[in-house]
Structures are given as structure tokens and as C-alpha cells.
Amino acid sequence: MTLTSIDWTPVFGFPVEWAALALLVTACIWWERAGASGLGVEGAVASAMIGLILGYEATWSYPIALAIGLGAALVFAAITGTLLEVFRADPAVGSFVIGLIPVSALGLLLRSGRFTLLEESTLPGIVRGTTLGTPAEDLLMNPVLWAAPLVIALAAWVLWQTPFGLRVRAFGEAPSLRLPGASAVTYRIMGLVVGAMWAFPGAALLLSAHRANPPSGIGYLALACAVASRWSIAFAILLALLPAAIRCAIPAASGTPFGFAVEAAPFAIALVYLMLLARRALRMPESRGTRVDPDVL
């Protein structure tokens, strides 16, 4: 076997898998800091994929489909936050159960027929005319991929360095906190909606890389990385390296005796992460030591 006879296509998929996981990790941390649960991010991903698929089917316009996909993710987050607040449901159980609705809907949608976006020979939105060629061009010249580091940095800055992010974290950690002119419910729901904004580009990347079989469960994989990192965005992104490297080999292993093992391996890695690294929960008990700055709030 020579170097020229090896199929290097899976290697080109690694940046896409890693960027998608990093974006979903960021969304999970936003949801947890807002007082819900990162389990709901999987529902936001499924909602975004449904919006993208049906939006393109109805309009044949990729920009409009992107807008519809983003809107679907934001609406899902707003509805989830509202239901959790109205019914005072357990954040983890409530987020998971509500998220099952779009996840199930996506599965039924994919089984109901054939959709243009999933069968386009040339994926819309790719920067053409580079020297990379197909399929490397299809994977690497996605504007969403190149924007991902800036988008993640923006998410971290807003969450940790702005008054809005501080209030989201404060109300998430201490729901009974009272501040003049600030509604705890409003900020908690807004935190989920903003978090879904970072789940959407992750969903778009996954859908572009796996059009034949859009993946599911990646939001749970991202949550495991977030938990294992003790809610550090930078550390969680580093932990996502290994699952992303394994996931990029899935197309090459498909149809082989090792196909199922390769698909399951990232989740096994996530389980190992949780057993070895996860030692504390995110939401802190309400006490005088809650990390809020009244001068900023």
C-alpha cells in the first residue's frame, strides 16, 4: 500500500468534527450556567437540523434555510426555558424530556422521504475555487468552520466578562436572587436562547459533513466533555479532541466489521472522561459564597 492509495478523506473531516463538538460544548456550558441542563442542547441541535432541511426544501435558498434553522433552535430554547419555569420541573429531567420531541421528530422526518439538502451533489455555502479540490474542499471550505473559533471566543467573553453573562450565571446559580429591575426568569430563558445560538452552527457543520446520515447524540457527547472539564470552555474543547478524531474515522469504517465499534467509541471515551475527571456539579448551593458581584449586577 502506498501513500497515494490511502483514502485521506476522513482526515479532512477532523476539523469539522472538532469545531462542531467545540460549539456544542459552548452551548452546553451556557445552558448549565443559565440554570437548565446541557441535556437540552441535543434538542436544539435537532431543531436546527429540522429547520435547515425543511427550510431549504421550501425555499431552495441556503441563507434563508440557515435563518430558519437558527430560528428553530432559538424557538426550541425559548419554549424549553418557559416550560421549565412554568412547571418548575427538574432542569435535567425536563430538558432531556423536552429535547426528545425534536430528536424524535428529526428521526421521523429523515425516514419520511428524500430531501434536497441531503442529496445536493454540491453542498451550498461552500467557498469554491480553491486548490483543495473535492472532497477536501467540501469539508474544509465551509465559512461556518472558519468562523467557529471566533464564535466560541465571543461566547466565552459574553458569558464571563459582560454584565449580561454575569447576571445569567448569578440567576442560574441562585434562582431566588432578587435584583432591582432584573427578572430571574427572563435572564434564565435568555441564557438558554443565547446558548442555542452556539448550538446552531454546530448543527450546521454536522449536517454538512453527514448529509447521508445526520448524527444524533452529539449534544450528549459535548455535555460529557463539559462536565469532565469542570465547566471550563477551553479544557472542554481540548477534551473534545479525542472524540472528534475518532468520529472523523466513521465514514472510512462504515460498512466494515468495525463500523459499529468506531461509532460507539466516542461515547465510551466520554464515559471514561466522566468517571475519571468529573468530580463536582455545576450549580452551586445558594449561599453567601455564591460567585456574584453586586457592584456589577
Protein backbone atom coordinates (compact mmCIF):
# COMPACT_ATOMS: atom_id res chain seq x y z
CA MET A 1 0.00 0.00 0.00
CA THR A 2 1.35 3.42 -0.99
CA LEU A 3 0.54 6.87 0.37
CA THR A 4 -1.29 7.70 -2.83
CA SER A 5 -3.59 4.68 -2.47
CA ILE A 6 -4.78 5.65 1.01
CA ASP A 7 -8.11 7.44 1.32
CA TRP A 8 -7.25 10.60 3.27
CA THR A 9 -10.81 11.97 3.19
CA PRO A 10 -11.53 11.20 6.89
CA VAL A 11 -8.54 13.33 7.88
CA PHE A 12 -10.17 16.35 6.26
CA GLY A 13 -13.27 15.75 8.38
CA PHE A 14 -11.41 16.16 11.67
CA PRO A 15 -11.58 19.99 11.83
CA VAL A 16 -15.32 19.83 11.16
CA GLU A 17 -15.95 17.24 13.89
CA TRP A 18 -13.81 19.11 16.41
CA ALA A 19 -15.35 22.50 15.61
CA ALA A 20 -18.88 21.09 15.87
CA LEU A 21 -18.14 19.47 19.23
CA ALA A 22 -16.50 22.67 20.49
CA LEU A 23 -19.55 24.72 19.54
CA LEU A 24 -21.89 22.27 21.25
CA VAL A 25 -19.65 22.24 24.34
CA THR A 26 -20.02 26.02 24.49
CA ALA A 27 -23.79 25.73 24.16
CA CYS A 28 -23.92 23.13 26.96
CA ILE A 29 -21.97 25.39 29.31
CA TRP A 30 -24.30 28.29 28.53
CA TRP A 31 -27.35 26.14 29.28
CA GLU A 32 -25.89 24.87 32.53
CA ARG A 33 -24.85 28.34 33.65
CA ALA A 34 -28.37 29.57 32.89
CA GLY A 35 -29.73 27.05 35.39
CA ALA A 36 -31.13 24.48 32.96
CA SER A 37 -29.26 21.40 31.77
CA GLY A 38 -26.96 20.82 28.83
CA LEU A 39 -29.06 17.76 28.03
CA GLY A 40 -31.42 20.12 26.23
CA VAL A 41 -28.75 21.13 23.72
CA GLU A 42 -29.36 17.91 21.79
CA GLY A 43 -32.93 19.12 21.24
CA ALA A 44 -31.63 22.48 19.98
CA VAL A 45 -29.35 20.64 17.53
CA ALA A 46 -32.23 18.51 16.24
CA SER A 47 -34.46 21.59 15.92
CA ALA A 48 -31.77 23.39 13.92
CA MET A 49 -31.35 20.41 11.58
CA ILE A 50 -35.10 20.20 11.00
CA GLY A 51 -35.20 23.90 10.22
CA LEU A 52 -32.28 23.63 7.81
CA ILE A 53 -33.69 20.63 5.95
CA LEU A 54 -37.25 21.91 5.63
CA GLY A 55 -36.16 25.50 5.06
CA TYR A 56 -34.02 24.52 2.08
CA GLU A 57 -36.72 22.20 0.80
CA ALA A 58 -39.24 25.05 0.83
CA THR A 59 -37.08 27.92 -0.43
CA TRP A 60 -34.06 26.42 -2.25
CA SER A 61 -32.10 29.23 -0.63
CA TYR A 62 -29.26 28.26 1.70
CA PRO A 63 -29.12 31.65 3.50
CA ILE A 64 -32.87 31.50 4.17
CA ALA A 65 -32.54 27.88 5.31
CA LEU A 66 -29.79 28.95 7.72
CA ALA A 67 -32.05 31.66 9.13
CA ILE A 68 -34.91 29.17 9.55
CA GLY A 69 -32.59 26.66 11.24
CA LEU A 70 -31.32 29.31 13.64
CA GLY A 71 -34.88 30.42 14.37
CA ALA A 72 -35.94 26.83 15.08
CA ALA A 73 -33.10 26.38 17.60
CA LEU A 74 -33.94 29.68 19.33
CA VAL A 75 -37.65 28.90 19.49
CA PHE A 76 -36.90 25.48 20.98
CA ALA A 77 -34.71 27.10 23.65
CA ALA A 78 -37.34 29.71 24.48
CA ILE A 79 -40.10 27.09 24.77
CA THR A 80 -37.90 24.81 26.89
CA GLY A 81 -36.96 27.62 29.25
CA THR A 82 -40.56 28.76 29.58
CA LEU A 83 -41.87 25.25 30.31
CA LEU A 84 -39.14 24.63 32.88
CA GLU A 85 -40.01 27.86 34.66
CA VAL A 86 -43.80 27.46 34.47
CA PHE A 87 -43.86 23.86 35.71
CA ARG A 88 -40.78 24.20 37.94
CA ALA A 89 -39.51 20.93 36.52
CA ASP A 90 -36.19 19.38 37.38
CA PRO A 91 -33.75 21.00 34.92
CA ALA A 92 -32.05 17.77 33.87
CA VAL A 93 -35.20 15.65 33.51
CA GLY A 94 -37.21 18.47 31.96
CA SER A 95 -34.51 19.43 29.43
CA PHE A 96 -33.99 15.81 28.43
CA VAL A 97 -37.70 15.02 28.02
CA ILE A 98 -38.47 18.19 26.05
CA GLY A 99 -35.41 17.59 23.89
CA LEU A 100 -36.70 14.16 22.93
CA ILE A 101 -39.50 15.81 20.94
CA PRO A 102 -37.33 17.41 18.20
CA VAL A 103 -34.90 14.47 18.33
CA SER A 104 -37.75 12.05 17.60
CA ALA A 105 -39.20 14.45 15.02
CA LEU A 106 -35.86 14.56 13.19
CA GLY A 107 -35.71 10.76 13.07
CA LEU A 108 -39.25 10.56 11.67
CA LEU A 109 -38.51 13.33 9.18
CA LEU A 110 -35.45 11.55 7.80
CA ARG A 111 -37.50 8.37 7.34
CA SER A 112 -40.40 10.14 5.63
CA GLY A 113 -38.75 10.83 2.30
CA ARG A 114 -35.86 12.33 0.39
CA PHE A 115 -34.78 15.94 0.89
CA THR A 116 -32.89 18.19 -1.47
CA LEU A 117 -30.34 19.48 1.03
CA LEU A 118 -29.27 15.96 1.95
CA GLU A 119 -28.82 14.94 -1.68
CA GLU A 120 -27.19 18.02 -3.24
CA SER A 121 -24.11 16.93 -5.19
CA THR A 122 -22.57 20.32 -4.43
CA LEU A 123 -23.29 21.47 -0.92
CA PRO A 124 -24.48 25.10 -0.79
CA GLY A 125 -22.45 27.60 1.19
CA ILE A 126 -19.01 26.18 0.38
CA VAL A 127 -16.28 28.55 -0.83
CA ARG A 128 -15.42 27.33 -4.33
CA GLY A 129 -12.35 27.83 -6.48
CA THR A 130 -9.65 26.73 -4.03
CA THR A 131 -6.80 24.36 -4.86
CA LEU A 132 -8.02 21.78 -2.34
CA GLY A 133 -10.47 20.07 -4.64
CA THR A 134 -13.30 17.71 -3.74
CA PRO A 135 -13.90 16.22 -1.18
CA ALA A 136 -11.42 18.27 0.87
CA GLU A 137 -12.96 21.47 -0.45
CA ASP A 138 -16.46 20.35 0.58
CA LEU A 139 -15.31 19.73 4.13
CA LEU A 140 -12.77 22.46 4.81
CA MET A 141 -14.07 25.45 2.85
CA ASN A 142 -17.20 25.92 4.94
CA PRO A 143 -17.41 29.52 6.25
CA VAL A 144 -19.03 28.25 9.44
CA LEU A 145 -15.95 26.14 10.16
CA TRP A 146 -13.56 29.09 9.86
CA ALA A 147 -15.83 31.32 11.95
CA ALA A 148 -16.13 28.74 14.76
CA PRO A 149 -13.06 29.87 16.83
CA LEU A 150 -14.22 33.49 16.79
CA VAL A 151 -17.79 32.47 17.66
CA ILE A 152 -16.58 30.37 20.60
CA ALA A 153 -14.32 33.18 21.84
CA LEU A 154 -17.27 35.57 21.66
CA ALA A 155 -19.43 33.14 23.65
CA ALA A 156 -16.79 32.85 26.38
CA TRP A 157 -16.32 36.63 26.54
CA VAL A 158 -20.05 37.34 26.80
CA LEU A 159 -20.55 34.69 29.49
CA TRP A 160 -17.58 35.60 31.68
CA GLN A 161 -16.83 39.27 31.01
CA THR A 162 -20.12 41.09 30.49
CA PRO A 163 -22.86 42.18 32.92
CA PHE A 164 -25.37 40.12 30.92
CA GLY A 165 -23.30 36.96 31.30
CA LEU A 166 -22.76 37.65 34.98
CA ARG A 167 -26.49 38.03 35.57
CA VAL A 168 -27.23 34.83 33.64
CA ARG A 169 -24.75 32.95 35.83
CA ALA A 170 -26.00 34.63 39.01
CA PHE A 171 -29.66 33.74 38.40
CA GLY A 172 -28.67 30.26 37.26
CA GLU A 173 -26.73 29.59 40.46
CA ALA A 174 -29.21 31.34 42.77
CA PRO A 175 -32.73 31.31 41.25
CA SER A 176 -34.21 33.12 44.26
CA LEU A 177 -31.77 36.02 43.89
CA ARG A 178 -33.59 39.36 43.69
CA LEU A 179 -32.17 42.38 41.87
CA PRO A 180 -34.00 45.66 41.20
CA GLY A 181 -35.08 45.88 37.57
CA ALA A 182 -33.91 42.37 36.68
CA SER A 183 -36.12 39.31 36.30
CA ALA A 184 -34.55 35.97 37.17
CA VAL A 185 -36.95 34.11 34.84
CA THR A 186 -36.19 36.42 31.92
CA TYR A 187 -32.44 36.09 32.29
CA ARG A 188 -32.59 32.31 32.66
CA ILE A 189 -34.66 31.95 29.48
CA MET A 190 -32.45 34.45 27.64
CA GLY A 191 -29.42 32.40 28.69
CA LEU A 192 -30.90 29.32 27.02
CA VAL A 193 -31.79 31.25 23.87
CA VAL A 194 -28.30 32.72 23.58
CA GLY A 195 -26.79 29.29 24.26
CA ALA A 196 -28.82 27.84 21.39
CA MET A 197 -27.15 30.36 19.09
CA TRP A 198 -23.92 28.38 19.54
CA ALA A 199 -25.65 25.03 19.08
CA PHE A 200 -26.90 26.11 15.65
CA PRO A 201 -23.54 26.41 13.81
CA GLY A 202 -22.51 23.08 15.34
CA ALA A 203 -25.66 21.52 13.90
CA ALA A 204 -24.96 23.11 10.50
CA LEU A 205 -21.44 21.64 10.44
CA LEU A 206 -22.65 18.17 11.41
CA LEU A 207 -25.37 18.25 8.78
CA SER A 208 -22.91 19.34 6.09
CA ALA A 209 -20.44 16.58 6.99
CA HIS A 210 -23.01 13.79 7.37
CA ARG A 211 -25.74 14.54 4.87
CA ALA A 212 -26.43 10.90 4.13
CA ASN A 213 -26.99 10.11 7.81
CA PRO A 214 -27.21 13.14 10.14
CA PRO A 215 -25.81 12.11 13.51
CA SER A 216 -27.62 12.12 16.82
CA GLY A 217 -26.38 12.13 20.39
CA ILE A 218 -23.51 14.55 19.73
CA GLY A 219 -25.00 17.04 22.19
CA TYR A 220 -24.72 14.43 24.94
CA LEU A 221 -21.12 13.79 23.93
CA ALA A 222 -20.38 17.52 24.17
CA LEU A 223 -22.05 17.66 27.59
CA ALA A 224 -19.81 14.87 28.84
CA CYS A 225 -16.75 16.86 27.75
CA ALA A 226 -18.13 19.95 29.50
CA VAL A 227 -18.81 18.06 32.73
CA ALA A 228 -15.41 16.38 32.67
CA SER A 229 -13.73 19.75 32.16
CA ARG A 230 -15.48 21.12 35.26
CA TRP A 231 -17.25 23.65 33.04
CA SER A 232 -14.12 25.18 31.54
CA ILE A 233 -14.69 26.03 27.87
CA ALA A 234 -11.00 25.80 26.97
CA PHE A 235 -10.46 22.47 28.75
CA ALA A 236 -13.69 21.01 27.35
CA ILE A 237 -12.59 21.90 23.81
CA LEU A 238 -9.31 20.08 24.41
CA LEU A 239 -11.17 17.04 25.74
CA ALA A 240 -13.25 17.08 22.55
CA LEU A 241 -10.10 16.41 20.51
CA LEU A 242 -10.10 12.64 21.03
CA PRO A 243 -13.82 12.02 20.34
CA ALA A 244 -13.56 14.25 17.26
CA ALA A 245 -10.54 12.31 15.99
CA ILE A 246 -12.44 9.04 16.37
CA ARG A 247 -15.60 10.43 14.78
CA CYS A 248 -13.74 11.55 11.67
CA ALA A 249 -12.93 7.87 11.03
CA ILE A 250 -16.60 6.85 10.97
CA PRO A 251 -17.03 7.29 7.17
CA ALA A 252 -13.98 5.11 6.50
CA ALA A 253 -15.20 2.40 8.89
CA SER A 254 -18.77 2.42 7.62
CA GLY A 255 -19.72 -0.94 6.16
CA THR A 256 -16.82 -2.74 7.78
CA PRO A 257 -16.95 -5.11 10.80
CA PHE A 258 -15.51 -2.26 12.87
CA GLY A 259 -18.13 0.31 11.87
CA PHE A 260 -20.31 -0.01 14.96
CA ALA A 261 -17.32 -0.04 17.30
CA VAL A 262 -15.97 3.18 15.77
CA GLU A 263 -19.37 4.90 16.11
CA ALA A 264 -19.66 3.82 19.75
CA ALA A 265 -16.06 4.63 20.70
CA PRO A 266 -16.56 8.41 21.24
CA PHE A 267 -19.30 7.71 23.77
CA ALA A 268 -17.09 5.18 25.53
CA ILE A 269 -14.38 7.85 25.74
CA ALA A 270 -16.95 10.28 27.16
CA LEU A 271 -17.88 7.72 29.81
CA VAL A 272 -14.22 7.37 30.77
CA TYR A 273 -13.98 11.16 30.99
CA LEU A 274 -16.93 11.28 33.37
CA MET A 275 -15.59 8.51 35.58
CA LEU A 276 -12.07 9.91 35.83
CA LEU A 277 -12.49 13.68 35.64
CA ALA A 278 -15.98 14.71 36.74
CA ARG A 279 -15.87 15.44 40.46
CA ARG A 280 -18.32 18.25 41.10
CA ALA A 281 -21.67 19.53 39.84
CA LEU A 282 -22.01 22.91 38.21
CA ARG A 283 -24.79 24.57 40.12
CA MET A 284 -23.55 25.71 43.48
CA PRO A 285 -25.76 25.73 46.57
CA GLU A 286 -27.20 29.12 47.27
CA SER A 287 -25.09 30.67 49.99
CA ARG A 288 -23.15 33.76 50.91
CA GLY A 289 -20.30 32.37 48.84
CA THR A 290 -22.23 32.42 45.56
CA ARG A 291 -19.99 33.94 42.92
CA VAL A 292 -21.83 37.16 42.10
CA ASP A 293 -20.56 40.70 42.17
CA PRO A 294 -23.30 43.05 43.44
CA ASP A 295 -21.43 46.08 42.11
CA VAL A 296 -21.76 44.73 38.56
CA LEU A 297 -25.19 43.22 38.94
